[in-house]
Amino acid sequence: MKYGVIHYNAPGDTLEEFLRYAKDTGFGYVELQIGDVWQPEDEAPEKRAEEAKALLDQVGLEASALSAGNDFVVLEESEVKAQVERMKKVCELAQIVGTNVIRTEGGRPKDSVPEEKWGDAMAGCLERCREFIEPMGMYLAVDNHGVVTNNGDLQLEVLRRVGSRNVGANLDTMNYRWFGNDLDTIDRYYREIAPYTFHTHLKDGTGSRENYVGAALGDGEIHLKYALECLQKAGYEGVYTAEYEGKEDSAIGYRKCLEWMRANIPG
C-alpha cells in the first residue's frame, strides 16, 4: 500500500532531515512543498528541483505530489496569465522530482473577486491550464483547503465545469469539518468527490474554526473509514498521505497516523 506523509508540521529543519524522518518512520512517499523546489530568489529553480530529486533517490522515497501554492481566485487577465504561467513552471519542476500530481489550491478570498465569482475564477484558470497539463500528462488535484474550496459543492461544480480527466481533487478528510460542515454533509462530499480524487490528505480532529483541535488518525470525530470506503469504491489507487495537526509532538503524531493507516487500509 502507498503510505505517504506531507512535508508540513513534520520533524526536520531541512528537506533532507524531513525525508530521513519519513523513511525511518516507514513512509514510502512524500508530498513536497513548493518551497522545497522553488524559492523566490531562485533564477533557475530546476537546479533546486534536481537536488530534491537526488535526495529522494538517496533516501529511497518517491514524491506523491508537489504543492503548488497557487491562487486561482483571480479574474483580471494579467493575474490569470501570471498564475497559469506559474502553474506551468510548477508542473515542469514536478516532473523533475518524479511526480505528475500537483496539489492545487483553489485560492484566497479577496475584495476584487466577489464570492459569487469564485467558481468562475477557479474554473477559468483551470481551463487555461488544460493546454499544457493534458499533453504533459500532469494532474491538478484541487484541494479542499481554506475558505474557498471547503464548500464541497463549489469544489465539485468547478471540477465538472472544467471537464478534464487531468483536473480532479485532493481529498482532505478533515478540512470540510474545519470549515464548519456537519459530519453527514462531509460524508456526502466524500462520496461525490471520491471519483475525482487524484491525491489525499488523511487528517483527523474535532470541531470547527476556533474550536478545531487536530488529532492523530482515529482519535478524532471524522468518519475516516467511510472516506476510505468511498475512495476504494471509486477505484482510487493513489497515495494515502498522512497530515497531522495535533498538539502531541509531530514525530509521535505522524507515527500514530501511519500505524492507523497500516491497520485500516487494506493491502
C-alpha atoms as a PDB file:
ATOM      1  CA  MET A   1       0.000   0.000   0.000  1.00  0.00           C
ATOM      2  CA  LYS A   2       1.171   3.527  -0.763  1.00  0.00           C
ATOM      3  CA  TYR A   3       1.626   5.345   2.560  1.00  0.00           C
ATOM      4  CA  GLY A   4       2.783   8.948   2.369  1.00  0.00           C
ATOM      5  CA  VAL A   5       3.359  11.993   4.538  1.00  0.00           C
ATOM      6  CA  ILE A   6       3.120  15.697   3.743  1.00  0.00           C
ATOM      7  CA  HIS A   7       6.107  17.971   4.297  1.00  0.00           C
ATOM      8  CA  TYR A   8       4.198  20.059   6.791  1.00  0.00           C
ATOM      9  CA  ASN A   9       4.261  20.120  10.583  1.00  0.00           C
ATOM     10  CA  ALA A  10       6.675  17.190  10.480  1.00  0.00           C
ATOM     11  CA  PRO A  11      10.117  16.707  12.057  1.00  0.00           C
ATOM     12  CA  GLY A  12      13.165  18.048  10.257  1.00  0.00           C
ATOM     13  CA  ASP A  13      14.536  21.563   9.854  1.00  0.00           C
ATOM     14  CA  THR A  14      15.741  20.789   6.337  1.00  0.00           C
ATOM     15  CA  LEU A  15      14.328  18.808   3.441  1.00  0.00           C
ATOM     16  CA  GLU A  16      16.924  16.098   3.953  1.00  0.00           C
ATOM     17  CA  GLU A  17      16.083  15.789   7.661  1.00  0.00           C
ATOM     18  CA  PHE A  18      12.382  15.520   6.853  1.00  0.00           C
ATOM     19  CA  LEU A  19      12.987  12.878   4.192  1.00  0.00           C
ATOM     20  CA  ARG A  20      15.118  10.808   6.522  1.00  0.00           C
ATOM     21  CA  TYR A  21      12.453  11.052   9.234  1.00  0.00           C
ATOM     22  CA  ALA A  22       9.789   9.916   6.758  1.00  0.00           C
ATOM     23  CA  LYS A  23      11.894   6.959   5.593  1.00  0.00           C
ATOM     24  CA  ASP A  24      12.921   5.890   9.089  1.00  0.00           C
ATOM     25  CA  THR A  25       9.303   6.040  10.284  1.00  0.00           C
ATOM     26  CA  GLY A  26       8.141   3.750   7.479  1.00  0.00           C
ATOM     27  CA  PHE A  27       6.595   6.030   4.873  1.00  0.00           C
ATOM     28  CA  GLY A  28       7.319   5.351   1.224  1.00  0.00           C
ATOM     29  CA  TYR A  29       6.050   8.591  -0.305  1.00  0.00           C
ATOM     30  CA  VAL A  30       6.200  12.301   0.496  1.00  0.00           C
ATOM     31  CA  GLU A  31       4.258  15.298  -0.695  1.00  0.00           C
ATOM     32  CA  LEU A  32       6.736  18.103  -1.282  1.00  0.00           C
ATOM     33  CA  GLN A  33       6.013  21.775  -0.732  1.00  0.00           C
ATOM     34  CA  ILE A  34       6.740  24.299  -3.463  1.00  0.00           C
ATOM     35  CA  GLY A  35       9.443  25.812  -1.253  1.00  0.00           C
ATOM     36  CA  ASP A  36      11.323  22.520  -1.390  1.00  0.00           C
ATOM     37  CA  VAL A  37      11.964  23.052  -5.110  1.00  0.00           C
ATOM     38  CA  TRP A  38      11.426  26.765  -5.750  1.00  0.00           C
ATOM     39  CA  GLN A  39      12.422  29.689  -3.555  1.00  0.00           C
ATOM     40  CA  PRO A  40      11.657  33.324  -4.500  1.00  0.00           C
ATOM     41  CA  GLU A  41      15.334  34.076  -5.044  1.00  0.00           C
ATOM     42  CA  ASP A  42      15.821  31.187  -7.474  1.00  0.00           C
ATOM     43  CA  GLU A  43      16.599  32.270 -11.008  1.00  0.00           C
ATOM     44  CA  ALA A  44      16.887  28.645 -12.072  1.00  0.00           C
ATOM     45  CA  PRO A  45      14.642  26.551  -9.804  1.00  0.00           C
ATOM     46  CA  GLU A  46      15.363  23.472 -11.912  1.00  0.00           C
ATOM     47  CA  LYS A  47      18.660  23.107 -10.014  1.00  0.00           C
ATOM     48  CA  ARG A  48      16.874  23.021  -6.645  1.00  0.00           C
ATOM     49  CA  ALA A  49      14.353  20.507  -8.024  1.00  0.00           C
ATOM     50  CA  GLU A  50      17.193  18.292  -9.262  1.00  0.00           C
ATOM     51  CA  GLU A  51      18.779  18.449  -5.809  1.00  0.00           C
ATOM     52  CA  ALA A  52      15.457  17.460  -4.219  1.00  0.00           C
ATOM     53  CA  LYS A  53      15.162  14.504  -6.607  1.00  0.00           C
ATOM     54  CA  ALA A  54      18.697  13.410  -5.759  1.00  0.00           C
ATOM     55  CA  LEU A  55      17.809  13.468  -2.058  1.00  0.00           C
ATOM     56  CA  LEU A  56      14.656  11.444  -2.697  1.00  0.00           C
ATOM     57  CA  ASP A  57      16.660   8.825  -4.569  1.00  0.00           C
ATOM     58  CA  GLN A  58      19.387   8.767  -1.949  1.00  0.00           C
ATOM     59  CA  VAL A  59      16.937   8.245   0.918  1.00  0.00           C
ATOM     60  CA  GLY A  60      14.718   5.856  -1.050  1.00  0.00           C
ATOM     61  CA  LEU A  61      11.434   7.743  -1.257  1.00  0.00           C
ATOM     62  CA  GLU A  62       9.091   8.844  -4.041  1.00  0.00           C
ATOM     63  CA  ALA A  63       7.225  12.118  -4.406  1.00  0.00           C
ATOM     64  CA  SER A  64       3.445  11.617  -4.347  1.00  0.00           C
ATOM     65  CA  ALA A  65       2.669  15.227  -5.242  1.00  0.00           C
ATOM     66  CA  LEU A  66       4.054  18.740  -5.331  1.00  0.00           C
ATOM     67  CA  SER A  67       2.093  21.502  -3.617  1.00  0.00           C
ATOM     68  CA  ALA A  68       1.715  24.465  -5.980  1.00  0.00           C
ATOM     69  CA  GLY A  69       0.868  27.317  -3.598  1.00  0.00           C
ATOM     70  CA  ASN A  70      -1.164  28.936  -6.367  1.00  0.00           C
ATOM     71  CA  ASP A  71      -4.094  31.369  -6.169  1.00  0.00           C
ATOM     72  CA  PHE A  72      -6.759  30.879  -8.837  1.00  0.00           C
ATOM     73  CA  VAL A  73      -9.301  33.262  -7.309  1.00  0.00           C
ATOM     74  CA  VAL A  74      -8.367  35.916  -9.876  1.00  0.00           C
ATOM     75  CA  LEU A  75     -10.268  37.477 -12.787  1.00  0.00           C
ATOM     76  CA  GLU A  76      -8.003  40.184 -14.191  1.00  0.00           C
ATOM     77  CA  GLU A  77      -6.329  38.892 -17.360  1.00  0.00           C
ATOM     78  CA  SER A  78      -2.839  39.845 -16.224  1.00  0.00           C
ATOM     79  CA  GLU A  79      -3.310  37.960 -12.948  1.00  0.00           C
ATOM     80  CA  VAL A  80      -4.833  34.937 -14.658  1.00  0.00           C
ATOM     81  CA  LYS A  81      -1.959  34.797 -17.138  1.00  0.00           C
ATOM     82  CA  ALA A  82       0.617  35.055 -14.350  1.00  0.00           C
ATOM     83  CA  GLN A  83      -0.988  32.252 -12.333  1.00  0.00           C
ATOM     84  CA  VAL A  84      -1.305  29.973 -15.362  1.00  0.00           C
ATOM     85  CA  GLU A  85       2.301  30.566 -16.426  1.00  0.00           C
ATOM     86  CA  ARG A  86       3.453  29.925 -12.874  1.00  0.00           C
ATOM     87  CA  MET A  87       1.500  26.644 -12.797  1.00  0.00           C
ATOM     88  CA  LYS A  88       3.234  25.520 -15.966  1.00  0.00           C
ATOM     89  CA  LYS A  89       6.603  26.069 -14.286  1.00  0.00           C
ATOM     90  CA  VAL A  90       5.392  24.158 -11.199  1.00  0.00           C
ATOM     91  CA  CYS A  91       4.440  21.239 -13.468  1.00  0.00           C
ATOM     92  CA  GLU A  92       7.890  21.252 -15.046  1.00  0.00           C
ATOM     93  CA  LEU A  93       9.514  21.161 -11.604  1.00  0.00           C
ATOM     94  CA  ALA A  94       7.196  18.335 -10.516  1.00  0.00           C
ATOM     95  CA  GLN A  95       8.335  16.270 -13.475  1.00  0.00           C
ATOM     96  CA  ILE A  96      11.937  16.733 -12.351  1.00  0.00           C
ATOM     97  CA  VAL A  97      11.186  15.377  -8.859  1.00  0.00           C
ATOM     98  CA  GLY A  98       9.249  12.486 -10.356  1.00  0.00           C
ATOM     99  CA  THR A  99       5.562  13.161  -9.796  1.00  0.00           C
ATOM    100  CA  ASN A 100       2.720  14.019 -12.156  1.00  0.00           C
ATOM    101  CA  VAL A 101       0.348  15.232  -9.409  1.00  0.00           C
ATOM    102  CA  ILE A 102       0.100  18.871  -8.358  1.00  0.00           C
ATOM    103  CA  ARG A 103      -1.795  19.678  -5.168  1.00  0.00           C
ATOM    104  CA  THR A 104      -3.597  22.759  -6.345  1.00  0.00           C
ATOM    105  CA  GLU A 105      -5.115  25.497  -4.197  1.00  0.00           C
ATOM    106  CA  GLY A 106      -8.456  26.999  -5.077  1.00  0.00           C
ATOM    107  CA  GLY A 107      -7.256  30.390  -3.957  1.00  0.00           C
ATOM    108  CA  ARG A 108      -7.793  33.101  -1.373  1.00  0.00           C
ATOM    109  CA  PRO A 109     -10.824  35.385  -0.930  1.00  0.00           C
ATOM    110  CA  LYS A 110     -10.199  38.974  -1.949  1.00  0.00           C
ATOM    111  CA  ASP A 111     -12.186  42.166  -2.496  1.00  0.00           C
ATOM    112  CA  SER A 112     -11.524  42.139  -6.238  1.00  0.00           C
ATOM    113  CA  VAL A 113     -13.383  38.811  -6.687  1.00  0.00           C
ATOM    114  CA  PRO A 114     -16.866  38.624  -5.133  1.00  0.00           C
ATOM    115  CA  GLU A 115     -17.853  35.281  -3.634  1.00  0.00           C
ATOM    116  CA  GLU A 116     -20.368  34.570  -6.398  1.00  0.00           C
ATOM    117  CA  LYS A 117     -17.455  34.714  -8.882  1.00  0.00           C
ATOM    118  CA  TRP A 118     -15.136  32.294  -7.093  1.00  0.00           C
ATOM    119  CA  GLY A 119     -16.261  29.374  -9.225  1.00  0.00           C
ATOM    120  CA  ASP A 120     -15.839  31.351 -12.453  1.00  0.00           C
ATOM    121  CA  ALA A 121     -12.355  32.421 -11.419  1.00  0.00           C
ATOM    122  CA  MET A 122     -11.124  28.953 -10.480  1.00  0.00           C
ATOM    123  CA  ALA A 123     -12.689  27.235 -13.470  1.00  0.00           C
ATOM    124  CA  GLY A 124     -11.268  29.870 -15.799  1.00  0.00           C
ATOM    125  CA  CYS A 125      -7.708  29.352 -14.581  1.00  0.00           C
ATOM    126  CA  LEU A 126      -8.008  25.566 -14.585  1.00  0.00           C
ATOM    127  CA  GLU A 127      -9.391  25.580 -18.140  1.00  0.00           C
ATOM    128  CA  ARG A 128      -6.415  27.662 -19.295  1.00  0.00           C
ATOM    129  CA  CYS A 129      -4.080  25.088 -17.727  1.00  0.00           C
ATOM    130  CA  ARG A 130      -5.526  22.291 -19.843  1.00  0.00           C
ATOM    131  CA  GLU A 131      -3.442  23.373 -22.829  1.00  0.00           C
ATOM    132  CA  PHE A 132      -0.265  22.172 -21.121  1.00  0.00           C
ATOM    133  CA  ILE A 133      -1.284  19.697 -18.387  1.00  0.00           C
ATOM    134  CA  GLU A 134      -3.017  17.320 -20.791  1.00  0.00           C
ATOM    135  CA  PRO A 135      -0.103  16.903 -23.238  1.00  0.00           C
ATOM    136  CA  MET A 136       2.350  16.814 -20.297  1.00  0.00           C
ATOM    137  CA  GLY A 137       0.337  14.109 -18.535  1.00  0.00           C
ATOM    138  CA  MET A 138       0.060  16.207 -15.379  1.00  0.00           C
ATOM    139  CA  TYR A 139      -2.854  16.087 -12.940  1.00  0.00           C
ATOM    140  CA  LEU A 140      -4.100  19.042 -10.905  1.00  0.00           C
ATOM    141  CA  ALA A 141      -5.620  17.905  -7.610  1.00  0.00           C
ATOM    142  CA  VAL A 142      -7.733  20.808  -6.310  1.00  0.00           C
ATOM    143  CA  ASP A 143      -7.544  20.734  -2.516  1.00  0.00           C
ATOM    144  CA  ASN A 144     -10.460  21.452  -0.199  1.00  0.00           C
ATOM    145  CA  HIS A 145      -8.346  23.938   1.700  1.00  0.00           C
ATOM    146  CA  GLY A 146      -9.042  27.276   3.323  1.00  0.00           C
ATOM    147  CA  VAL A 147     -12.328  29.113   2.874  1.00  0.00           C
ATOM    148  CA  VAL A 148     -12.969  28.844  -0.855  1.00  0.00           C
ATOM    149  CA  THR A 149     -12.985  25.127  -1.705  1.00  0.00           C
ATOM    150  CA  ASN A 150     -14.163  23.694   1.612  1.00  0.00           C
ATOM    151  CA  ASN A 151     -17.611  24.161   0.153  1.00  0.00           C
ATOM    152  CA  GLY A 152     -17.601  20.723  -1.433  1.00  0.00           C
ATOM    153  CA  ASP A 153     -20.480  21.659  -3.715  1.00  0.00           C
ATOM    154  CA  LEU A 154     -18.447  24.500  -5.213  1.00  0.00           C
ATOM    155  CA  GLN A 155     -15.381  22.274  -5.472  1.00  0.00           C
ATOM    156  CA  LEU A 156     -17.422  19.676  -7.359  1.00  0.00           C
ATOM    157  CA  GLU A 157     -19.066  22.302  -9.575  1.00  0.00           C
ATOM    158  CA  VAL A 158     -15.659  23.600 -10.645  1.00  0.00           C
ATOM    159  CA  LEU A 159     -14.350  20.127 -11.473  1.00  0.00           C
ATOM    160  CA  ARG A 160     -17.416  19.361 -13.562  1.00  0.00           C
ATOM    161  CA  ARG A 161     -17.252  22.689 -15.380  1.00  0.00           C
ATOM    162  CA  VAL A 162     -13.657  22.155 -16.389  1.00  0.00           C
ATOM    163  CA  GLY A 163     -14.464  18.624 -17.517  1.00  0.00           C
ATOM    164  CA  SER A 164     -10.892  17.396 -17.899  1.00  0.00           C
ATOM    165  CA  ARG A 165      -9.600  13.980 -16.899  1.00  0.00           C
ATOM    166  CA  ASN A 166      -6.484  15.827 -15.734  1.00  0.00           C
ATOM    167  CA  VAL A 167      -8.282  18.095 -13.254  1.00  0.00           C
ATOM    168  CA  GLY A 168      -9.552  16.454 -10.081  1.00  0.00           C
ATOM    169  CA  ALA A 169      -9.314  16.693  -6.315  1.00  0.00           C
ATOM    170  CA  ASN A 170      -7.049  16.336  -3.348  1.00  0.00           C
ATOM    171  CA  LEU A 171      -9.425  14.918  -0.744  1.00  0.00           C
ATOM    172  CA  ASP A 172      -8.597  16.225   2.730  1.00  0.00           C
ATOM    173  CA  THR A 173     -10.702  14.296   5.216  1.00  0.00           C
ATOM    174  CA  MET A 174     -10.678  16.963   7.955  1.00  0.00           C
ATOM    175  CA  ASN A 175     -10.837  20.313   6.200  1.00  0.00           C
ATOM    176  CA  TYR A 176     -14.534  20.103   5.347  1.00  0.00           C
ATOM    177  CA  ARG A 177     -15.178  19.780   9.090  1.00  0.00           C
ATOM    178  CA  TRP A 178     -12.773  22.596   9.960  1.00  0.00           C
ATOM    179  CA  PHE A 179     -14.793  24.823   7.654  1.00  0.00           C
ATOM    180  CA  GLY A 180     -17.973  24.088   9.633  1.00  0.00           C
ATOM    181  CA  ASN A 181     -19.757  21.325   7.725  1.00  0.00           C
ATOM    182  CA  ASP A 182     -21.587  18.676   9.752  1.00  0.00           C
ATOM    183  CA  LEU A 183     -20.496  15.058   9.529  1.00  0.00           C
ATOM    184  CA  ASP A 184     -23.434  13.950   7.333  1.00  0.00           C
ATOM    185  CA  THR A 185     -22.617  16.649   4.788  1.00  0.00           C
ATOM    186  CA  ILE A 186     -18.952  15.681   4.901  1.00  0.00           C
ATOM    187  CA  ASP A 187     -19.814  12.046   4.207  1.00  0.00           C
ATOM    188  CA  ARG A 188     -21.787  13.201   1.152  1.00  0.00           C
ATOM    189  CA  TYR A 189     -18.759  15.155  -0.025  1.00  0.00           C
ATOM    190  CA  TYR A 190     -16.607  12.031   0.364  1.00  0.00           C
ATOM    191  CA  ARG A 191     -18.995  10.088  -1.875  1.00  0.00           C
ATOM    192  CA  GLU A 192     -19.216  12.776  -4.539  1.00  0.00           C
ATOM    193  CA  ILE A 193     -15.548  13.822  -4.609  1.00  0.00           C
ATOM    194  CA  ALA A 194     -14.039  10.320  -4.416  1.00  0.00           C
ATOM    195  CA  PRO A 195     -14.402   9.574  -8.171  1.00  0.00           C
ATOM    196  CA  TYR A 196     -12.427  12.765  -8.947  1.00  0.00           C
ATOM    197  CA  THR A 197      -9.662  12.157  -6.391  1.00  0.00           C
ATOM    198  CA  PHE A 198      -6.015  12.062  -7.500  1.00  0.00           C
ATOM    199  CA  HIS A 199      -4.395  12.541  -4.071  1.00  0.00           C
ATOM    200  CA  THR A 200      -5.364  12.509  -0.402  1.00  0.00           C
ATOM    201  CA  HIS A 201      -4.690  14.068   2.983  1.00  0.00           C
ATOM    202  CA  LEU A 202      -5.862  11.724   5.714  1.00  0.00           C
ATOM    203  CA  LYS A 203      -6.385  14.019   8.673  1.00  0.00           C
ATOM    204  CA  ASP A 204      -8.467  13.818  11.845  1.00  0.00           C
ATOM    205  CA  GLY A 205      -9.595  16.092  14.636  1.00  0.00           C
ATOM    206  CA  THR A 206     -12.644  17.655  16.248  1.00  0.00           C
ATOM    207  CA  GLY A 207     -14.549  20.912  15.921  1.00  0.00           C
ATOM    208  CA  SER A 208     -14.536  23.821  13.503  1.00  0.00           C
ATOM    209  CA  ARG A 209     -12.625  27.080  13.097  1.00  0.00           C
ATOM    210  CA  GLU A 210     -11.548  28.417  16.513  1.00  0.00           C
ATOM    211  CA  ASN A 211     -12.752  25.200  18.157  1.00  0.00           C
ATOM    212  CA  TYR A 212     -10.765  22.924  15.858  1.00  0.00           C
ATOM    213  CA  VAL A 213      -8.343  20.558  17.545  1.00  0.00           C
ATOM    214  CA  GLY A 214      -6.197  18.265  15.412  1.00  0.00           C
ATOM    215  CA  ALA A 215      -5.695  14.613  16.288  1.00  0.00           C
ATOM    216  CA  ALA A 216      -3.887  11.509  15.129  1.00  0.00           C
ATOM    217  CA  LEU A 217      -5.881   9.371  12.713  1.00  0.00           C
ATOM    218  CA  GLY A 218      -8.644   7.535  14.525  1.00  0.00           C
ATOM    219  CA  ASP A 219      -8.594   9.848  17.544  1.00  0.00           C
ATOM    220  CA  GLY A 220     -10.992  12.482  16.199  1.00  0.00           C
ATOM    221  CA  GLU A 221     -14.597  12.660  15.059  1.00  0.00           C
ATOM    222  CA  ILE A 222     -14.124  12.258  11.311  1.00  0.00           C
ATOM    223  CA  HIS A 223     -15.617   9.162   9.631  1.00  0.00           C
ATOM    224  CA  LEU A 224     -12.264   8.100   8.234  1.00  0.00           C
ATOM    225  CA  LYS A 225     -13.245   4.531   7.469  1.00  0.00           C
ATOM    226  CA  TYR A 226     -16.201   5.773   5.440  1.00  0.00           C
ATOM    227  CA  ALA A 227     -13.896   8.102   3.494  1.00  0.00           C
ATOM    228  CA  LEU A 228     -11.656   5.124   2.726  1.00  0.00           C
ATOM    229  CA  GLU A 229     -14.670   3.078   1.657  1.00  0.00           C
ATOM    230  CA  CYS A 230     -15.721   5.821  -0.762  1.00  0.00           C
ATOM    231  CA  LEU A 231     -12.234   6.070  -2.226  1.00  0.00           C
ATOM    232  CA  GLN A 232     -11.898   2.337  -2.665  1.00  0.00           C
ATOM    233  CA  LYS A 233     -15.338   2.033  -4.301  1.00  0.00           C
ATOM    234  CA  ALA A 234     -14.293   4.787  -6.709  1.00  0.00           C
ATOM    235  CA  GLY A 235     -11.160   2.813  -7.638  1.00  0.00           C
ATOM    236  CA  TYR A 236      -8.639   5.127  -6.016  1.00  0.00           C
ATOM    237  CA  GLU A 237      -5.107   3.749  -6.457  1.00  0.00           C
ATOM    238  CA  GLY A 238      -3.054   6.735  -5.355  1.00  0.00           C
ATOM    239  CA  VAL A 239      -1.067   7.517  -2.229  1.00  0.00           C
ATOM    240  CA  TYR A 240      -2.705   7.773   1.181  1.00  0.00           C
ATOM    241  CA  THR A 241      -0.979  10.800   2.688  1.00  0.00           C
ATOM    242  CA  ALA A 242      -0.971  11.480   6.425  1.00  0.00           C
ATOM    243  CA  GLU A 243      -1.347  15.028   7.716  1.00  0.00           C
ATOM    244  CA  TYR A 244      -1.154  15.697  11.450  1.00  0.00           C
ATOM    245  CA  GLU A 245      -2.097  18.921  13.260  1.00  0.00           C
ATOM    246  CA  GLY A 246      -2.478  17.642  16.821  1.00  0.00           C
ATOM    247  CA  LYS A 247      -0.897  19.021  19.979  1.00  0.00           C
ATOM    248  CA  GLU A 248       1.332  15.999  20.563  1.00  0.00           C
ATOM    249  CA  ASP A 249       4.895  16.002  19.268  1.00  0.00           C
ATOM    250  CA  SER A 250       4.655  15.640  15.498  1.00  0.00           C
ATOM    251  CA  ALA A 251       7.089  12.717  15.376  1.00  0.00           C
ATOM    252  CA  ILE A 252       4.753  10.789  17.663  1.00  0.00           C
ATOM    253  CA  GLY A 253       1.621  12.044  15.921  1.00  0.00           C
ATOM    254  CA  TYR A 254       2.750  11.045  12.442  1.00  0.00           C
ATOM    255  CA  ARG A 255       3.904   7.649  13.678  1.00  0.00           C
ATOM    256  CA  LYS A 256       0.444   7.054  15.157  1.00  0.00           C
ATOM    257  CA  CYS A 257      -1.106   8.091  11.836  1.00  0.00           C
ATOM    258  CA  LEU A 258       1.000   5.547   9.955  1.00  0.00           C
ATOM    259  CA  GLU A 259       0.072   2.829  12.445  1.00  0.00           C
ATOM    260  CA  TRP A 260      -3.614   3.615  11.895  1.00  0.00           C
ATOM    261  CA  MET A 261      -3.243   3.537   8.113  1.00  0.00           C
ATOM    262  CA  ARG A 262      -1.468   0.196   8.185  1.00  0.00           C
ATOM    263  CA  ALA A 263      -4.245  -1.237  10.365  1.00  0.00           C
ATOM    264  CA  ASN A 264      -7.162   0.187   8.392  1.00  0.00           C
ATOM    265  CA  ILE A 265      -6.213   0.423   4.722  1.00  0.00           C
ATOM    266  CA  PRO A 266      -6.396  -2.983   3.036  1.00  0.00           C
ATOM    267  CA  GLY A 267      -3.334  -4.202   1.196  1.00  0.00           C
END
